[in-house]
Amino acid sequence: MTAGRQATEIRTLYCLYCTGVAKAEIARRLRIGRTSVRRILSQPVPQKMMTLVAGR
């Protein structure tokens, strides 16, 4: 997976989570493991990412 695609998926993940979509549903939509979703969401969110998520 390229870094660009990975960054897009992570932005999508945060946007979905912020709108109330369940972690299991996010995993299904992005075709990644539920553990990966939990691991990504447990990490501190970079300020730049928050700006991108808030702008959607």
C-alpha atoms as a PDB file:
ATOM      1  CA  MET A   1       0.000   0.000   0.000  1.00  0.00           C
ATOM      2  CA  THR A   2       1.318   3.440  -0.858  1.00  0.00           C
ATOM      3  CA  ALA A   3       1.730   6.141   1.756  1.00  0.00           C
ATOM      4  CA  GLY A   4      -0.840   8.311  -0.031  1.00  0.00           C
ATOM      5  CA  ARG A   5      -3.486   5.631   0.002  1.00  0.00           C
ATOM      6  CA  GLN A   6      -2.738   4.811   3.629  1.00  0.00           C
ATOM      7  CA  ALA A   7      -3.067   8.488   4.606  1.00  0.00           C
ATOM      8  CA  THR A   8      -6.394   8.710   2.786  1.00  0.00           C
ATOM      9  CA  GLU A   9      -7.687   5.630   4.587  1.00  0.00           C
ATOM     10  CA  ILE A  10      -6.609   6.969   7.976  1.00  0.00           C
ATOM     11  CA  ARG A  11      -8.349  10.299   7.316  1.00  0.00           C
ATOM     12  CA  THR A  12     -11.458   8.365   6.295  1.00  0.00           C
ATOM     13  CA  LEU A  13     -11.187   6.244   9.431  1.00  0.00           C
ATOM     14  CA  TYR A  14     -11.100   9.290  11.711  1.00  0.00           C
ATOM     15  CA  CYS A  15     -13.981  10.936   9.850  1.00  0.00           C
ATOM     16  CA  LEU A  16     -16.134   7.831  10.138  1.00  0.00           C
ATOM     17  CA  TYR A  17     -15.314   7.408  13.826  1.00  0.00           C
ATOM     18  CA  CYS A  18     -16.091  11.058  14.585  1.00  0.00           C
ATOM     19  CA  THR A  19     -19.522  10.661  12.986  1.00  0.00           C
ATOM     20  CA  GLY A  20     -20.368   7.690  15.210  1.00  0.00           C
ATOM     21  CA  VAL A  21     -19.659   4.716  12.918  1.00  0.00           C
ATOM     22  CA  ALA A  22     -18.685   1.599  14.879  1.00  0.00           C
ATOM     23  CA  LYS A  23     -15.089   0.383  14.726  1.00  0.00           C
ATOM     24  CA  ALA A  24     -16.181  -2.965  13.264  1.00  0.00           C
ATOM     25  CA  GLU A  25     -18.088  -1.186  10.498  1.00  0.00           C
ATOM     26  CA  ILE A  26     -15.060   1.022   9.740  1.00  0.00           C
ATOM     27  CA  ALA A  27     -12.935  -2.117   9.427  1.00  0.00           C
ATOM     28  CA  ARG A  28     -15.420  -3.638   6.973  1.00  0.00           C
ATOM     29  CA  ARG A  29     -15.652  -0.492   4.863  1.00  0.00           C
ATOM     30  CA  LEU A  30     -11.887  -0.021   4.644  1.00  0.00           C
ATOM     31  CA  ARG A  31     -11.190  -3.758   4.387  1.00  0.00           C
ATOM     32  CA  ILE A  32      -8.717  -3.717   7.254  1.00  0.00           C
ATOM     33  CA  GLY A  33      -8.687  -5.622  10.534  1.00  0.00           C
ATOM     34  CA  ARG A  34     -10.655  -4.455  13.557  1.00  0.00           C
ATOM     35  CA  THR A  35      -7.466  -4.531  15.594  1.00  0.00           C
ATOM     36  CA  SER A  36      -5.853  -2.141  13.098  1.00  0.00           C
ATOM     37  CA  VAL A  37      -8.756   0.268  13.502  1.00  0.00           C
ATOM     38  CA  ARG A  38      -8.440   0.164  17.298  1.00  0.00           C
ATOM     39  CA  ARG A  39      -4.656   0.585  17.126  1.00  0.00           C
ATOM     40  CA  ILE A  40      -4.876   3.606  14.808  1.00  0.00           C
ATOM     41  CA  LEU A  41      -7.597   5.267  16.889  1.00  0.00           C
ATOM     42  CA  SER A  42      -5.665   4.723  20.125  1.00  0.00           C
ATOM     43  CA  GLN A  43      -2.694   6.723  18.833  1.00  0.00           C
ATOM     44  CA  PRO A  44      -2.574  10.476  19.443  1.00  0.00           C
ATOM     45  CA  VAL A  45      -4.080  12.385  16.538  1.00  0.00           C
ATOM     46  CA  PRO A  46      -1.611  14.781  14.892  1.00  0.00           C
ATOM     47  CA  GLN A  47      -2.785  18.404  14.827  1.00  0.00           C
ATOM     48  CA  LYS A  48      -2.608  18.435  11.029  1.00  0.00           C
ATOM     49  CA  MET A  49      -4.954  15.433  10.899  1.00  0.00           C
ATOM     50  CA  MET A  50      -7.470  17.160  13.180  1.00  0.00           C
ATOM     51  CA  THR A  51      -7.498  20.152  10.848  1.00  0.00           C
ATOM     52  CA  LEU A  52      -8.216  17.893   7.872  1.00  0.00           C
ATOM     53  CA  VAL A  53     -10.937  15.974   9.714  1.00  0.00           C
ATOM     54  CA  ALA A  54     -12.610  19.131  11.009  1.00  0.00           C
ATOM     55  CA  GLY A  55     -12.653  20.594   7.490  1.00  0.00           C
ATOM     56  CA  ARG A  56     -14.797  17.776   6.061  1.00  0.00           C
END
